[in-house]
């Protein structure tokens, strides 16, 4: 072979080798990112990555190390169906009109496009297992339009503890005999199935615990010494706060046996509930760990965005309250962790965020056009720089009966304060917000008083701050979208 032919041969060989490698690199860059969407029922930020030093939550904590932990994130309404309806549509409760556990999302909004439905429309295979939508807010198919694969609820025979109507149970059985173990098993099978397709996937997995009843394997209860578990630091109603803003723990008192119907719970019962909550968090953390391990084994970790969220907080005895259903910090503050393998992790963001921000965030991260009219803002700027602030406040709401009339409480959470106004119920249906109709108001300072021991509304020292918060509230009502505009 002469020198020219040899040179051409070597060039051609080198080109072939490069061509053999290049498509894989380009394919990795061009391939759509998958989404693993993990919901945890009634999970408050009682996690190591949120600063709790008692809980055993290594798998969720690892997610926090790999992504961004949103420290000041809030639900739109501290109860299952409304909070999930808002997150999964990108609309606030006054727009979805899901304010309770009995309203079907599509009865009010037949043509709304949900988050998984939007991904399905844009070439994704979508599937869900466990509790993603609240089952009481959608049809028996868990919103058929949202999923490529038929939705199946976990086997009802799995141990969930409701038959005995006890609020806490320690059972010496393997994970597979518990409902969340069953959800994990089904989700892993779905993950394996979806991984074989050339299409990117959106897999939603909804774990049931730590929702009542607090049923978990004995191994998880054994992680904690009940005698050393702390009670809530502040177990009184806040000074100067309206009494109707609090709640007596209806879900616990009326749903489970052996719970006093009135008054503070006995200290041993409080300890048992706190122990049960911790045990359930650790149980769910183990299931999440198994799911993430499978993701890694399938070689999908580097091409999958992971979102973990709890649908709202939970009162564990603070203010003499249990469960959720309030506008206080322990009910509205909710965990949100986002991992994008393309973005450096280990970040913590303290600026206000809320669940309506998740929809536009996932669209931007996956390269999908953000639908017009969503109520939230993309969190991508914060993922890149946790010091960035995309909004001045997050908004939550809840209803009450005050002085014989039904009212709605709207609460704004800034990086420093919470401002709540209670107004006639007609406001949530579109009536004009009038400050003259405010029934009661609250103002809490989380720098000086993180336990919400005092309502500072109308105190002279907070005059300037209050004026700014009142302006924020006027701004919110001026710009909010309501359901009437959708019809």
Protein backbone atom coordinates (compact mmCIF):
# COMPACT_ATOMS: atom_id res chain seq x y z
CA UNK A 1 0.00 0.00 0.00
CA UNK A 2 1.57 3.29 -1.04
CA UNK A 3 1.84 6.22 1.33
CA UNK A 4 -1.21 8.10 -0.08
CA UNK A 5 -3.50 5.07 0.13
CA UNK A 6 -2.23 4.28 3.61
CA UNK A 7 -2.93 7.84 4.75
CA UNK A 8 -6.45 7.78 3.29
CA UNK A 9 -7.09 4.41 4.93
CA UNK A 10 -6.01 5.70 8.34
CA UNK A 11 -8.16 8.83 7.97
CA UNK A 12 -11.17 6.74 6.98
CA UNK A 13 -10.59 4.35 9.89
CA UNK A 14 -10.34 7.23 12.35
CA UNK A 15 -13.54 8.74 10.96
CA UNK A 16 -15.38 5.46 11.40
CA UNK A 17 -14.20 5.17 14.99
CA UNK A 18 -15.31 8.74 15.72
CA UNK A 19 -18.63 8.23 13.98
CA UNK A 20 -19.17 5.11 16.07
CA UNK A 21 -18.78 7.12 19.28
CA UNK A 22 -20.38 10.42 18.30
CA UNK A 23 -24.00 9.35 17.85
CA UNK A 24 -24.12 8.07 21.43
CA UNK A 25 -22.96 11.41 22.80
CA UNK A 26 -25.41 13.31 20.62
CA UNK A 27 -28.19 10.90 21.54
CA UNK A 28 -27.53 11.51 25.25
CA UNK A 29 -27.75 15.27 24.70
CA UNK A 30 -30.83 15.17 22.51
CA UNK A 31 -32.81 12.52 24.35
CA UNK A 32 -35.66 13.89 26.44
CA UNK A 33 -35.16 13.72 30.19
CA UNK A 34 -37.35 11.26 32.09
CA UNK A 35 -39.32 12.35 35.15
CA UNK A 36 -39.71 10.35 38.37
CA UNK A 37 -42.42 12.12 40.32
CA UNK A 38 -42.64 10.99 43.97
CA UNK A 39 -45.52 12.12 46.20
CA UNK A 40 -45.62 11.31 49.92
CA UNK A 41 -48.93 11.68 51.73
CA UNK A 42 -48.95 13.97 54.81
CA UNK A 43 -45.16 14.29 54.81
CA UNK A 44 -44.00 17.42 56.60
CA UNK A 45 -40.36 18.59 56.38
CA UNK A 46 -39.41 16.25 59.23
CA UNK A 47 -36.32 15.05 57.36
CA UNK A 48 -32.59 15.13 57.86
CA UNK A 49 -32.09 17.34 54.81
CA UNK A 50 -34.47 19.86 56.40
CA UNK A 51 -32.49 19.94 59.63
CA UNK A 52 -34.25 17.33 61.78
CA UNK A 53 -31.65 15.51 63.87
CA UNK A 54 -33.82 12.61 65.05
CA UNK A 55 -35.48 11.17 61.95
CA UNK A 56 -33.85 8.34 60.01
CA UNK A 57 -34.34 9.32 56.36
CA UNK A 58 -31.07 8.53 54.53
CA UNK A 59 -32.55 8.01 51.07
CA UNK A 60 -34.51 11.26 50.97
CA UNK A 61 -31.53 13.03 52.49
CA UNK A 62 -29.34 11.70 49.68
CA UNK A 63 -31.78 13.20 47.18
CA UNK A 64 -31.32 16.49 48.97
CA UNK A 65 -27.55 16.18 48.51
CA UNK A 66 -27.99 15.50 44.80
CA UNK A 67 -30.49 18.27 44.13
CA UNK A 68 -32.08 21.39 45.60
CA UNK A 69 -34.02 21.41 48.86
CA UNK A 70 -36.70 24.10 48.97
CA UNK A 71 -36.79 25.13 52.61
CA UNK A 72 -39.66 27.63 52.39
CA UNK A 73 -42.06 25.75 50.13
CA UNK A 74 -45.82 25.81 50.76
CA UNK A 75 -48.92 23.95 49.71
CA UNK A 76 -51.92 25.78 48.23
CA UNK A 77 -54.30 24.21 50.73
CA UNK A 78 -53.37 21.92 53.61
CA UNK A 79 -55.53 18.93 52.75
CA UNK A 80 -55.02 16.14 50.23
CA UNK A 81 -57.42 16.71 47.33
CA UNK A 82 -57.10 20.50 46.90
CA UNK A 83 -53.31 20.50 47.26
CA UNK A 84 -52.85 17.74 44.69
CA UNK A 85 -55.39 19.26 42.32
CA UNK A 86 -53.41 22.51 42.39
CA UNK A 87 -50.00 20.93 41.90
CA UNK A 88 -51.19 18.65 39.09
CA UNK A 89 -53.00 21.40 37.16
CA UNK A 90 -50.78 24.37 37.98
CA UNK A 91 -53.92 26.20 39.14
CA UNK A 92 -54.77 27.56 42.58
CA UNK A 93 -57.83 26.28 44.50
CA UNK A 94 -60.01 29.27 43.55
CA UNK A 95 -59.48 28.25 39.93
CA UNK A 96 -59.82 24.47 40.24
CA UNK A 97 -62.71 24.97 42.71
CA UNK A 98 -61.46 21.90 44.54
CA UNK A 99 -61.62 23.12 48.14
CA UNK A 100 -62.67 19.86 49.75
CA UNK A 101 -62.53 16.07 49.42
CA UNK A 102 -65.74 15.72 47.43
CA UNK A 103 -65.28 17.78 44.26
CA UNK A 104 -64.07 16.07 41.09
CA UNK A 105 -61.51 18.16 39.22
CA UNK A 106 -63.13 17.60 35.83
CA UNK A 107 -66.63 18.32 37.07
CA UNK A 108 -65.45 21.92 37.46
CA UNK A 109 -62.78 21.95 34.75
CA UNK A 110 -63.63 19.32 32.11
CA UNK A 111 -60.91 20.46 29.71
CA UNK A 112 -58.07 21.24 32.09
CA UNK A 113 -54.77 19.69 31.01
CA UNK A 114 -53.00 18.04 33.92
CA UNK A 115 -49.23 17.84 34.34
CA UNK A 116 -48.94 14.15 33.32
CA UNK A 117 -51.49 14.67 30.55
CA UNK A 118 -49.36 17.48 29.12
CA UNK A 119 -46.31 15.22 29.10
CA UNK A 120 -48.36 12.49 27.45
CA UNK A 121 -49.44 14.94 24.73
CA UNK A 122 -45.79 15.78 24.15
CA UNK A 123 -44.52 12.28 23.44
CA UNK A 124 -43.99 10.89 26.93
CA UNK A 125 -45.25 7.56 28.21
CA UNK A 126 -46.99 8.30 31.51
CA UNK A 127 -48.02 6.05 34.39
CA UNK A 128 -48.86 6.19 38.08
CA UNK A 129 -49.06 3.92 41.08
CA UNK A 130 -50.28 4.74 44.57
CA UNK A 131 -51.83 8.07 45.58
CA UNK A 132 -50.97 10.79 43.10
CA UNK A 133 -54.26 12.55 42.50
CA UNK A 134 -56.45 12.25 45.55
CA UNK A 135 -58.78 9.38 44.66
CA UNK A 136 -61.78 11.41 45.77
CA UNK A 137 -61.09 14.20 43.26
CA UNK A 138 -60.88 12.14 40.06
CA UNK A 139 -62.71 9.28 38.34
CA UNK A 140 -62.08 5.61 39.10
CA UNK A 141 -59.34 5.54 36.46
CA UNK A 142 -57.34 8.17 38.39
CA UNK A 143 -57.98 10.56 35.50
CA UNK A 144 -57.74 8.33 32.45
CA UNK A 145 -56.62 11.15 30.16
CA UNK A 146 -53.41 11.58 32.14
CA UNK A 147 -51.94 8.11 31.70
CA UNK A 148 -50.55 5.99 28.88
CA UNK A 149 -50.76 2.85 31.00
CA UNK A 150 -53.95 1.99 32.92
CA UNK A 151 -53.90 3.10 36.52
CA UNK A 152 -54.10 0.39 39.18
CA UNK A 153 -54.49 1.00 42.90
CA UNK A 154 -52.38 -1.19 45.21
CA UNK A 155 -53.88 -4.48 46.37
CA UNK A 156 -56.43 -3.69 49.06
CA UNK A 157 -55.52 -6.77 51.10
CA UNK A 158 -52.15 -5.25 51.99
CA UNK A 159 -51.69 -4.28 55.62
CA UNK A 160 -52.78 -0.70 56.19
CA UNK A 161 -54.28 -0.98 59.66
CA UNK A 162 -57.66 0.62 59.06
CA UNK A 163 -59.71 -2.41 60.08
CA UNK A 164 -58.85 -2.02 63.76
CA UNK A 165 -59.35 1.76 63.64
CA UNK A 166 -56.22 2.30 65.74
CA UNK A 167 -54.15 5.37 64.99
CA UNK A 168 -50.77 3.65 65.46
CA UNK A 169 -49.67 0.06 64.96
CA UNK A 170 -46.31 -1.68 65.13
CA UNK A 171 -46.39 -4.86 63.06
CA UNK A 172 -43.56 -7.35 62.63
CA UNK A 173 -44.04 -8.09 58.93
CA UNK A 174 -41.88 -7.56 55.82
CA UNK A 175 -42.23 -4.40 53.71
CA UNK A 176 -44.13 -6.32 51.04
CA UNK A 177 -47.03 -6.79 53.47
CA UNK A 178 -47.58 -3.05 53.79
CA UNK A 179 -49.36 -0.84 51.29
CA UNK A 180 -46.27 1.27 50.57
CA UNK A 181 -44.20 -1.85 50.04
CA UNK A 182 -46.83 -2.90 47.52
CA UNK A 183 -46.70 0.51 45.82
CA UNK A 184 -42.92 0.24 45.58
CA UNK A 185 -43.11 -3.24 44.04
CA UNK A 186 -45.65 -2.15 41.43
CA UNK A 187 -43.69 1.00 40.63
CA UNK A 188 -40.46 -0.92 40.09
CA UNK A 189 -42.21 -3.22 37.61
CA UNK A 190 -43.58 -0.18 35.77
CA UNK A 191 -40.16 1.42 35.75
CA UNK A 192 -38.64 -1.70 34.20
CA UNK A 193 -41.38 -1.75 31.57
CA UNK A 194 -41.09 1.93 30.69
CA UNK A 195 -37.29 1.74 30.52
CA UNK A 196 -37.56 -0.63 27.54
CA UNK A 197 -39.40 1.94 25.43
CA UNK A 198 -37.63 4.48 23.24
CA UNK A 199 -40.01 7.12 24.55
CA UNK A 200 -39.10 9.13 27.65
CA UNK A 201 -41.26 8.44 30.69
CA UNK A 202 -43.15 10.36 33.37
CA UNK A 203 -43.65 7.95 36.27
CA UNK A 204 -45.66 9.19 39.26
CA UNK A 205 -45.39 7.22 42.49
CA UNK A 206 -47.58 8.17 45.45
CA UNK A 207 -46.74 6.68 48.85
CA UNK A 208 -49.47 6.54 51.50
CA UNK A 209 -47.56 6.98 54.74
CA UNK A 210 -47.05 8.87 56.98
CA UNK A 211 -50.79 9.45 56.60
CA UNK A 212 -52.89 8.08 59.46
CA UNK A 213 -53.09 5.37 60.66
CA UNK A 214 -49.43 5.25 61.64
CA UNK A 215 -48.79 1.66 60.62
CA UNK A 216 -45.21 0.63 59.96
CA UNK A 217 -42.95 -2.42 60.30
CA UNK A 218 -41.48 -3.08 63.74
CA UNK A 219 -37.95 -2.47 62.40
CA UNK A 220 -38.93 1.16 61.74
CA UNK A 221 -40.46 1.67 65.18
CA UNK A 222 -37.27 0.20 66.67
CA UNK A 223 -35.21 3.00 65.13
CA UNK A 224 -36.51 5.37 67.82
CA UNK A 225 -36.55 5.51 71.61
CA UNK A 226 -40.00 6.87 72.44
CA UNK A 227 -38.86 8.22 75.79
CA UNK A 228 -36.38 10.49 74.01
CA UNK A 229 -38.75 11.84 71.35
CA UNK A 230 -39.57 15.51 72.02
CA UNK A 231 -43.07 16.88 72.36
CA UNK A 232 -44.01 20.02 70.42
CA UNK A 233 -42.19 23.03 71.90
CA UNK A 234 -45.28 25.28 71.98
CA UNK A 235 -48.56 23.63 72.98
CA UNK A 236 -50.89 26.60 73.34
CA UNK A 237 -52.98 28.74 71.04
CA UNK A 238 -51.14 31.81 69.81
CA UNK A 239 -51.77 34.98 71.80
CA UNK A 240 -54.23 37.39 70.11
CA UNK A 241 -55.06 34.89 67.36
CA UNK A 242 -58.74 34.22 66.47
CA UNK A 243 -59.88 30.97 68.04
CA UNK A 244 -61.52 29.75 64.84
CA UNK A 245 -58.13 29.72 63.10
CA UNK A 246 -57.20 26.61 65.08
CA UNK A 247 -58.71 23.14 64.75
CA UNK A 248 -59.34 20.33 67.27
CA UNK A 249 -57.90 17.47 65.19
CA UNK A 250 -61.13 16.20 63.66
CA UNK A 251 -59.43 13.57 61.51
CA UNK A 252 -57.78 11.96 64.52
CA UNK A 253 -60.54 12.35 67.09
CA UNK A 254 -63.39 11.16 64.88
CA UNK A 255 -61.56 8.66 62.72
CA UNK A 256 -59.82 6.45 65.27
CA UNK A 257 -60.67 4.62 68.48
CA UNK A 258 -59.40 5.46 71.96
CA UNK A 259 -58.76 9.15 71.21
CA UNK A 260 -60.37 11.69 73.61
CA UNK A 261 -63.00 13.77 71.86
CA UNK A 262 -62.06 16.96 73.68
CA UNK A 263 -59.10 18.55 75.38
CA UNK A 264 -55.37 17.95 75.13
CA UNK A 265 -54.28 14.40 74.35
CA UNK A 266 -52.60 12.54 77.22
CA UNK A 267 -48.79 12.83 77.06
CA UNK A 268 -48.27 9.08 76.47
CA UNK A 269 -50.65 9.27 73.49
CA UNK A 270 -48.82 12.30 72.11
CA UNK A 271 -45.56 10.37 72.38
CA UNK A 272 -47.10 7.38 70.62
CA UNK A 273 -48.34 9.53 67.75
CA UNK A 274 -44.98 11.25 67.33
CA UNK A 275 -43.24 7.86 67.44
CA UNK A 276 -45.67 6.48 64.85
CA UNK A 277 -45.12 9.44 62.53
CA UNK A 278 -41.33 9.04 62.67
CA UNK A 279 -41.61 5.29 62.07
CA UNK A 280 -43.80 5.84 59.01
CA UNK A 281 -41.41 8.41 57.57
CA UNK A 282 -38.56 5.92 57.88
CA UNK A 283 -40.69 3.17 56.32
CA UNK A 284 -41.48 5.33 53.30
CA UNK A 285 -37.85 6.41 53.08
CA UNK A 286 -36.86 2.75 52.70
CA UNK A 287 -39.34 2.26 49.85
CA UNK A 288 -38.05 5.37 48.11
CA UNK A 289 -34.52 3.98 48.48
CA UNK A 290 -35.54 0.76 46.71
CA UNK A 291 -37.14 2.73 43.89
CA UNK A 292 -34.07 4.89 43.42
CA UNK A 293 -31.81 1.84 43.50
CA UNK A 294 -33.77 0.30 40.63
CA UNK A 295 -33.53 3.57 38.69
CA UNK A 296 -29.76 3.41 39.07
CA UNK A 297 -29.56 -0.31 38.16
CA UNK A 298 -31.44 0.40 34.93
CA UNK A 299 -28.88 3.04 34.00
CA UNK A 300 -31.48 5.81 34.10
CA UNK A 301 -30.21 8.01 36.89
CA UNK A 302 -28.23 10.37 34.64
CA UNK A 303 -31.21 10.93 32.36
CA UNK A 304 -33.99 11.31 34.94
CA UNK A 305 -35.28 14.36 36.78
CA UNK A 306 -36.55 13.44 40.25
CA UNK A 307 -39.15 15.46 42.12
CA UNK A 308 -40.11 14.55 45.68
CA UNK A 309 -42.90 16.35 47.51
CA UNK A 310 -45.25 15.94 50.46
CA UNK A 311 -48.72 17.29 49.72
CA UNK A 312 -48.85 19.43 52.90
CA UNK A 313 -47.49 19.60 56.43
CA UNK A 314 -48.86 18.07 59.62
CA UNK A 315 -49.37 19.31 63.16
CA UNK A 316 -47.68 17.06 65.71
CA UNK A 317 -49.09 18.69 68.83
CA UNK A 318 -48.03 22.30 68.24
CA UNK A 319 -50.71 24.84 69.24
CA UNK A 320 -52.54 21.81 70.76
CA UNK A 321 -53.25 20.68 67.18
CA UNK A 322 -52.91 17.42 65.26
CA UNK A 323 -53.30 16.66 61.56
CA UNK A 324 -53.45 19.44 58.93
CA UNK A 325 -56.38 21.73 57.88
CA UNK A 326 -54.95 25.12 58.95
CA UNK A 327 -53.11 28.17 57.64
CA UNK A 328 -50.31 27.82 60.19
CA UNK A 329 -46.69 27.02 59.33
CA UNK A 330 -46.74 23.37 60.35
CA UNK A 331 -49.64 22.68 57.98
CA UNK A 332 -48.70 24.76 54.93
CA UNK A 333 -44.93 24.23 54.86
CA UNK A 334 -44.28 21.20 52.70
CA UNK A 335 -41.15 19.41 51.47
CA UNK A 336 -40.03 19.85 47.88
CA UNK A 337 -36.79 18.42 46.50
CA UNK A 338 -35.83 18.59 42.81
CA UNK A 339 -32.91 16.69 41.33
CA UNK A 340 -31.72 17.37 37.80
CA UNK A 341 -28.49 15.43 37.10
CA UNK A 342 -27.39 18.19 34.71
CA UNK A 343 -27.45 20.78 37.51
CA UNK A 344 -25.06 20.70 40.45
CA UNK A 345 -26.83 19.61 43.62
CA UNK A 346 -26.35 20.04 47.34
CA UNK A 347 -28.22 23.36 47.36
CA UNK A 348 -30.78 24.77 49.77
CA UNK A 349 -33.13 27.59 48.84
CA UNK A 350 -34.93 29.69 51.46
CA UNK A 351 -36.98 32.05 49.28
CA UNK A 352 -40.77 31.45 49.10
CA UNK A 353 -41.98 28.81 46.65
CA UNK A 354 -45.22 26.89 46.24
CA UNK A 355 -46.62 23.80 44.57
CA UNK A 356 -48.11 25.62 41.57
CA UNK A 357 -44.48 26.26 40.58
CA UNK A 358 -43.81 22.56 39.89
CA UNK A 359 -45.71 22.35 36.56
CA UNK A 360 -43.78 25.14 34.77
CA UNK A 361 -40.51 23.96 36.33
CA UNK A 362 -40.78 20.45 34.90
CA UNK A 363 -41.75 21.84 31.50
CA UNK A 364 -38.67 24.04 31.37
CA UNK A 365 -36.33 21.29 32.61
CA UNK A 366 -37.55 18.86 29.95
CA UNK A 367 -37.58 21.38 27.11
CA UNK A 368 -41.37 21.49 26.76
CA UNK A 369 -43.12 24.77 26.08
CA UNK A 370 -44.61 26.11 29.29
CA UNK A 371 -48.42 26.30 28.81
CA UNK A 372 -49.84 29.78 29.03
CA UNK A 373 -52.00 30.70 31.99
CA UNK A 374 -50.38 28.60 34.72
CA UNK A 375 -50.48 30.19 38.17
CA UNK A 376 -46.92 29.37 39.18
CA UNK A 377 -43.40 30.33 38.10
CA UNK A 378 -40.53 28.11 37.02
CA UNK A 379 -38.05 27.27 39.75
CA UNK A 380 -35.19 26.70 37.30
CA UNK A 381 -33.45 30.00 38.22
CA UNK A 382 -33.35 28.81 41.84
CA UNK A 383 -32.06 25.38 40.84
CA UNK A 384 -29.13 27.13 39.20
CA UNK A 385 -28.63 29.66 41.99
CA UNK A 386 -30.39 29.07 45.34
CA UNK A 387 -29.99 32.73 46.29
CA UNK A 388 -32.32 33.81 43.48
CA UNK A 389 -35.80 34.97 44.48
CA UNK A 390 -38.62 34.49 41.95
CA UNK A 391 -41.51 35.78 44.08
CA UNK A 392 -42.14 37.73 47.25
CA UNK A 393 -44.62 35.32 48.80
CA UNK A 394 -46.36 31.96 48.60
CA UNK A 395 -50.15 31.73 49.03
CA UNK A 396 -52.20 29.15 50.92
CA UNK A 397 -55.82 29.11 52.01
CA UNK A 398 -58.31 27.29 54.21
CA UNK A 399 -61.92 27.72 55.29
CA UNK A 400 -63.57 28.04 58.68
CA UNK A 401 -66.80 28.99 60.40
CA UNK A 402 -66.37 32.30 62.20
CA UNK A 403 -69.10 33.87 64.29
CA UNK A 404 -71.70 31.67 62.64
CA UNK A 405 -70.62 32.42 59.05
CA UNK A 406 -68.37 30.54 56.63
CA UNK A 407 -65.14 32.36 55.84
CA UNK A 408 -62.02 31.71 53.78
CA UNK A 409 -58.57 32.40 55.16
CA UNK A 410 -55.88 33.51 52.72
CA UNK A 411 -52.32 33.47 54.00
CA UNK A 412 -49.16 34.93 52.46
CA UNK A 413 -45.79 33.51 53.51
CA UNK A 414 -42.76 35.67 52.75
CA UNK A 415 -39.16 34.88 53.67
CA UNK A 416 -39.79 36.47 57.07
CA UNK A 417 -43.50 36.82 57.82
CA UNK A 418 -46.95 35.29 57.45
CA UNK A 419 -50.01 37.48 56.92
CA UNK A 420 -53.49 35.93 57.01
CA UNK A 421 -56.89 37.50 56.35
CA UNK A 422 -60.24 35.86 56.95
CA UNK A 423 -62.92 37.06 54.51
CA UNK A 424 -66.46 36.06 53.48
CA UNK A 425 -66.62 32.78 51.58
CA UNK A 426 -67.95 34.55 48.48
CA UNK A 427 -64.45 35.90 47.83
CA UNK A 428 -63.10 32.50 46.81
CA UNK A 429 -65.83 32.29 44.17
CA UNK A 430 -64.79 35.55 42.59
CA UNK A 431 -66.36 38.29 44.70
CA UNK A 432 -64.17 41.36 45.02
CA UNK A 433 -61.77 41.39 47.95
CA UNK A 434 -62.68 44.26 50.28
CA UNK A 435 -60.51 45.07 53.27
CA UNK A 436 -63.59 46.42 55.02
CA UNK A 437 -65.01 42.87 55.02
CA UNK A 438 -62.01 41.24 56.72
CA UNK A 439 -63.35 39.29 59.70
CA UNK A 440 -59.97 38.79 61.38
CA UNK A 441 -56.27 38.98 60.53
CA UNK A 442 -53.00 37.45 61.72
CA UNK A 443 -49.33 38.40 61.40
CA UNK A 444 -46.48 36.14 62.49
CA UNK A 445 -42.75 36.88 62.60
CA UNK A 446 -40.67 33.77 61.89
CA UNK A 447 -37.32 35.35 62.72
CA UNK A 448 -38.28 36.52 66.20
CA UNK A 449 -41.05 34.00 66.85
CA UNK A 450 -40.72 30.82 64.72
CA UNK A 451 -43.25 28.94 66.87
CA UNK A 452 -46.07 31.42 66.15
CA UNK A 453 -46.69 32.19 69.80
CA UNK A 454 -48.04 35.72 69.18
CA UNK A 455 -50.25 37.30 66.50
CA UNK A 456 -48.63 40.71 65.88
CA UNK A 457 -51.41 42.15 63.73
CA UNK A 458 -52.04 45.84 64.47
CA UNK A 459 -49.08 46.11 66.84
CA UNK A 460 -47.35 49.52 66.42
CA UNK A 461 -43.91 47.92 65.98
CA UNK A 462 -45.20 46.09 62.88
CA UNK A 463 -46.98 49.03 61.25
CA UNK A 464 -44.64 49.34 58.23
CA UNK A 465 -44.35 45.59 57.75
CA UNK A 466 -48.10 45.19 57.99
CA UNK A 467 -48.65 47.87 55.34
CA UNK A 468 -46.33 46.03 52.95
CA UNK A 469 -48.05 42.70 53.59
CA UNK A 470 -51.45 44.30 53.08
CA UNK A 471 -50.22 45.61 49.73
CA UNK A 472 -49.10 42.09 48.80
CA UNK A 473 -52.56 40.78 49.65
CA UNK A 474 -54.25 43.42 47.48
CA UNK A 475 -51.84 42.55 44.68
CA UNK A 476 -52.66 38.86 44.99
CA UNK A 477 -56.39 39.37 44.69
CA UNK A 478 -55.98 41.82 41.82
CA UNK A 479 -53.99 39.31 39.78
CA UNK A 480 -55.51 35.97 40.76
CA UNK A 481 -57.33 33.85 38.21
CA UNK A 482 -60.67 32.31 39.13
CA UNK A 483 -62.74 29.53 37.64
CA UNK A 484 -65.36 31.83 36.14
CA UNK A 485 -62.83 33.07 33.58
CA UNK A 486 -62.25 29.51 32.39
CA UNK A 487 -65.88 28.82 31.49
